[in-house]
Amino acid sequence: MSNSNYTKIYTGDFIIVQRIVSDLEKENIIPVVKDQTESARLAGFGGGIVPGFQQIYVHDDELEKAVLIIESITSQLQN
């Protein structure tokens, strides 16, 4: 997603990504989730970052608010 108005804010496993997406949507932030492994599988190719890992992108206008949500969730998971 180079040269776009979207910034990658998180890369992680499916379960945590779903939690983050849910919390972002509660704040009216619409994330884009990219799963290279699944895309490659559907296209008939192998590869990807790490199986089961996804990337979350948000629009630059929502970046600051989204980063705060990510930081809150990841700090909760570390405790």
N, C-alpha and C. Protein backbone atom coordinates (compact mmCIF):
# COMPACT_ATOMS: atom_id res chain seq x y z
N MET A 1 0.82 -1.19 0.00
CA MET A 1 0.00 0.00 0.00
C MET A 1 0.87 1.25 0.00
N SER A 2 1.90 1.24 -0.78
CA SER A 2 2.74 2.42 -0.86
C SER A 2 2.02 3.51 -1.65
N ASN A 3 2.42 4.74 -1.39
CA ASN A 3 1.82 5.90 -2.06
C ASN A 3 0.32 5.96 -1.85
N SER A 4 -0.11 5.64 -0.67
CA SER A 4 -1.54 5.72 -0.37
C SER A 4 -1.74 6.58 0.86
N ASN A 5 -2.97 6.71 1.22
CA ASN A 5 -3.31 7.48 2.42
C ASN A 5 -3.50 6.59 3.62
N TYR A 6 -2.99 5.37 3.54
CA TYR A 6 -3.13 4.41 4.63
C TYR A 6 -1.77 4.06 5.22
N THR A 7 -1.75 3.82 6.53
CA THR A 7 -0.53 3.49 7.24
C THR A 7 -0.73 2.18 7.99
N LYS A 8 0.28 1.32 7.93
CA LYS A 8 0.21 0.06 8.68
C LYS A 8 0.44 0.38 10.15
N ILE A 9 -0.46 -0.11 11.00
CA ILE A 9 -0.33 0.19 12.43
C ILE A 9 -0.10 -1.05 13.28
N TYR A 10 -0.32 -2.23 12.69
CA TYR A 10 -0.15 -3.43 13.50
C TYR A 10 0.03 -4.64 12.60
N THR A 11 0.87 -5.57 13.04
CA THR A 11 1.00 -6.88 12.43
C THR A 11 0.96 -7.90 13.55
N GLY A 12 0.07 -8.88 13.43
CA GLY A 12 -0.03 -9.87 14.48
C GLY A 12 -0.93 -11.01 14.09
N ASP A 13 -1.20 -11.89 15.06
CA ASP A 13 -2.00 -13.06 14.76
C ASP A 13 -3.48 -12.71 14.65
N PHE A 14 -4.21 -13.62 14.05
CA PHE A 14 -5.62 -13.43 13.71
C PHE A 14 -6.47 -13.00 14.90
N ILE A 15 -6.29 -13.64 16.03
CA ILE A 15 -7.15 -13.37 17.20
C ILE A 15 -6.97 -11.94 17.70
N ILE A 16 -5.73 -11.51 17.83
CA ILE A 16 -5.48 -10.14 18.30
C ILE A 16 -5.94 -9.12 17.26
N VAL A 17 -5.72 -9.42 16.00
CA VAL A 17 -6.16 -8.53 14.93
C VAL A 17 -7.68 -8.35 14.99
N GLN A 18 -8.41 -9.43 15.22
CA GLN A 18 -9.86 -9.32 15.30
C GLN A 18 -10.29 -8.45 16.49
N ARG A 19 -9.59 -8.57 17.60
CA ARG A 19 -9.89 -7.73 18.77
C ARG A 19 -9.65 -6.26 18.44
N ILE A 20 -8.52 -5.98 17.78
CA ILE A 20 -8.18 -4.60 17.43
C ILE A 20 -9.20 -4.04 16.44
N VAL A 21 -9.54 -4.83 15.43
CA VAL A 21 -10.52 -4.39 14.44
C VAL A 21 -11.85 -4.05 15.12
N SER A 22 -12.27 -4.89 16.04
CA SER A 22 -13.52 -4.65 16.75
C SER A 22 -13.48 -3.33 17.52
N ASP A 23 -12.37 -3.11 18.24
CA ASP A 23 -12.25 -1.87 19.02
C ASP A 23 -12.15 -0.64 18.12
N LEU A 24 -11.46 -0.76 17.00
CA LEU A 24 -11.37 0.36 16.06
C LEU A 24 -12.74 0.70 15.50
N GLU A 25 -13.49 -0.33 15.12
CA GLU A 25 -14.82 -0.11 14.56
C GLU A 25 -15.78 0.52 15.57
N LYS A 26 -15.61 0.20 16.85
CA LYS A 26 -16.43 0.82 17.89
C LYS A 26 -16.20 2.34 17.95
N GLU A 27 -15.01 2.76 17.51
CA GLU A 27 -14.67 4.19 17.49
C GLU A 27 -14.85 4.79 16.08
N ASN A 28 -15.61 4.08 15.23
CA ASN A 28 -15.89 4.52 13.86
C ASN A 28 -14.63 4.67 13.00
N ILE A 29 -13.64 3.85 13.29
CA ILE A 29 -12.45 3.78 12.46
C ILE A 29 -12.57 2.49 11.64
N ILE A 30 -12.49 2.63 10.33
CA ILE A 30 -12.64 1.47 9.45
C ILE A 30 -11.25 1.01 9.01
N PRO A 31 -10.75 -0.09 9.59
CA PRO A 31 -9.42 -0.57 9.24
C PRO A 31 -9.46 -1.44 7.97
N VAL A 32 -8.30 -1.55 7.35
CA VAL A 32 -8.12 -2.47 6.24
C VAL A 32 -7.20 -3.58 6.75
N VAL A 33 -7.64 -4.83 6.64
CA VAL A 33 -6.86 -5.96 7.11
C VAL A 33 -6.28 -6.67 5.88
N LYS A 34 -4.97 -6.84 5.91
CA LYS A 34 -4.27 -7.50 4.80
C LYS A 34 -3.70 -8.81 5.31
N ASP A 35 -4.05 -9.89 4.63
CA ASP A 35 -3.56 -11.22 4.99
C ASP A 35 -2.88 -11.80 3.76
N GLN A 36 -1.56 -11.63 3.68
CA GLN A 36 -0.82 -12.07 2.50
C GLN A 36 -0.86 -13.58 2.33
N THR A 37 -0.84 -14.32 3.41
CA THR A 37 -0.86 -15.77 3.33
C THR A 37 -2.17 -16.25 2.73
N GLU A 38 -3.28 -15.70 3.20
CA GLU A 38 -4.58 -16.10 2.67
C GLU A 38 -4.74 -15.66 1.22
N SER A 39 -4.28 -14.47 0.89
CA SER A 39 -4.35 -13.99 -0.50
C SER A 39 -3.55 -14.89 -1.42
N ALA A 40 -2.36 -15.28 -0.98
CA ALA A 40 -1.53 -16.16 -1.79
C ALA A 40 -2.18 -17.53 -1.96
N ARG A 41 -2.77 -18.03 -0.89
CA ARG A 41 -3.44 -19.33 -0.95
C ARG A 41 -4.60 -19.29 -1.93
N LEU A 42 -5.40 -18.25 -1.87
CA LEU A 42 -6.55 -18.14 -2.76
C LEU A 42 -6.13 -17.99 -4.22
N ALA A 43 -4.96 -17.39 -4.45
CA ALA A 43 -4.47 -17.21 -5.81
C ALA A 43 -3.72 -18.45 -6.31
N GLY A 44 -3.50 -19.42 -5.43
CA GLY A 44 -2.82 -20.64 -5.83
C GLY A 44 -1.32 -20.60 -5.64
N PHE A 45 -0.83 -19.64 -4.89
CA PHE A 45 0.59 -19.51 -4.61
C PHE A 45 0.84 -19.76 -3.13
N GLY A 46 2.07 -19.99 -2.77
CA GLY A 46 2.44 -20.08 -1.35
C GLY A 46 3.07 -18.77 -0.94
N GLY A 47 3.39 -18.67 0.32
CA GLY A 47 4.12 -17.49 0.77
C GLY A 47 3.31 -16.62 1.70
N GLY A 48 3.89 -15.52 2.01
CA GLY A 48 3.28 -14.59 2.95
C GLY A 48 4.29 -14.29 4.04
N ILE A 49 3.92 -13.48 4.97
CA ILE A 49 4.80 -13.10 6.07
C ILE A 49 5.03 -14.32 6.94
N VAL A 50 4.10 -14.61 7.77
CA VAL A 50 4.10 -15.80 8.62
C VAL A 50 2.66 -16.30 8.61
N PRO A 51 2.44 -17.58 8.40
CA PRO A 51 1.06 -18.07 8.37
C PRO A 51 0.27 -17.63 9.61
N GLY A 52 -0.93 -17.11 9.37
CA GLY A 52 -1.79 -16.67 10.47
C GLY A 52 -1.59 -15.23 10.88
N PHE A 53 -0.59 -14.55 10.32
CA PHE A 53 -0.36 -13.17 10.68
C PHE A 53 -1.02 -12.25 9.67
N GLN A 54 -1.59 -11.18 10.20
CA GLN A 54 -2.29 -10.20 9.37
C GLN A 54 -1.76 -8.81 9.69
N GLN A 55 -1.99 -7.89 8.77
CA GLN A 55 -1.58 -6.50 8.95
C GLN A 55 -2.82 -5.62 8.97
N ILE A 56 -2.79 -4.60 9.83
CA ILE A 56 -3.90 -3.65 9.91
C ILE A 56 -3.41 -2.30 9.43
N TYR A 57 -4.17 -1.71 8.52
CA TYR A 57 -3.91 -0.37 8.00
C TYR A 57 -5.09 0.52 8.36
N VAL A 58 -4.80 1.79 8.62
CA VAL A 58 -5.87 2.77 8.82
C VAL A 58 -5.57 4.01 7.99
N HIS A 59 -6.62 4.74 7.69
CA HIS A 59 -6.46 5.98 6.94
C HIS A 59 -5.67 6.97 7.79
N ASP A 60 -4.84 7.75 7.13
CA ASP A 60 -3.98 8.70 7.85
C ASP A 60 -4.76 9.69 8.71
N ASP A 61 -5.99 10.01 8.31
CA ASP A 61 -6.82 10.93 9.10
C ASP A 61 -7.20 10.33 10.46
N GLU A 62 -7.19 9.00 10.55
CA GLU A 62 -7.59 8.32 11.77
C GLU A 62 -6.40 7.73 12.53
N LEU A 63 -5.20 7.99 12.04
CA LEU A 63 -4.00 7.34 12.56
C LEU A 63 -3.76 7.60 14.05
N GLU A 64 -3.83 8.83 14.46
CA GLU A 64 -3.51 9.17 15.85
C GLU A 64 -4.45 8.46 16.83
N LYS A 65 -5.73 8.49 16.55
CA LYS A 65 -6.71 7.84 17.42
C LYS A 65 -6.52 6.32 17.40
N ALA A 66 -6.22 5.76 16.23
CA ALA A 66 -6.04 4.32 16.10
C ALA A 66 -4.81 3.84 16.87
N VAL A 67 -3.74 4.60 16.83
CA VAL A 67 -2.51 4.23 17.54
C VAL A 67 -2.77 4.16 19.04
N LEU A 68 -3.55 5.07 19.57
CA LEU A 68 -3.88 5.04 20.99
C LEU A 68 -4.65 3.77 21.36
N ILE A 69 -5.55 3.35 20.48
CA ILE A 69 -6.32 2.13 20.72
C ILE A 69 -5.39 0.92 20.69
N ILE A 70 -4.50 0.87 19.72
CA ILE A 70 -3.53 -0.23 19.60
C ILE A 70 -2.66 -0.31 20.86
N GLU A 71 -2.16 0.83 21.28
CA GLU A 71 -1.30 0.87 22.47
C GLU A 71 -2.04 0.38 23.70
N SER A 72 -3.29 0.74 23.84
CA SER A 72 -4.09 0.29 24.98
C SER A 72 -4.27 -1.22 24.96
N ILE A 73 -4.59 -1.77 23.81
CA ILE A 73 -4.81 -3.21 23.71
C ILE A 73 -3.52 -3.97 23.95
N THR A 74 -2.44 -3.56 23.32
CA THR A 74 -1.19 -4.29 23.47
C THR A 74 -0.65 -4.20 24.90
N SER A 75 -0.88 -3.08 25.58
CA SER A 75 -0.42 -2.98 26.97
C SER A 75 -1.24 -3.91 27.87
N GLN A 76 -2.53 -4.07 27.59
CA GLN A 76 -3.37 -5.00 28.35
C GLN A 76 -2.90 -6.44 28.15
N LEU A 77 -2.50 -6.77 26.95
CA LEU A 77 -2.07 -8.13 26.64
C LEU A 77 -0.73 -8.48 27.28
N GLN A 78 0.09 -7.47 27.55
CA GLN A 78 1.39 -7.70 28.16
C GLN A 78 1.29 -7.92 29.66
N ASN A 79 0.20 -7.49 30.25
CA ASN A 79 0.03 -7.64 31.71
C ASN A 79 -0.53 -8.97 32.07
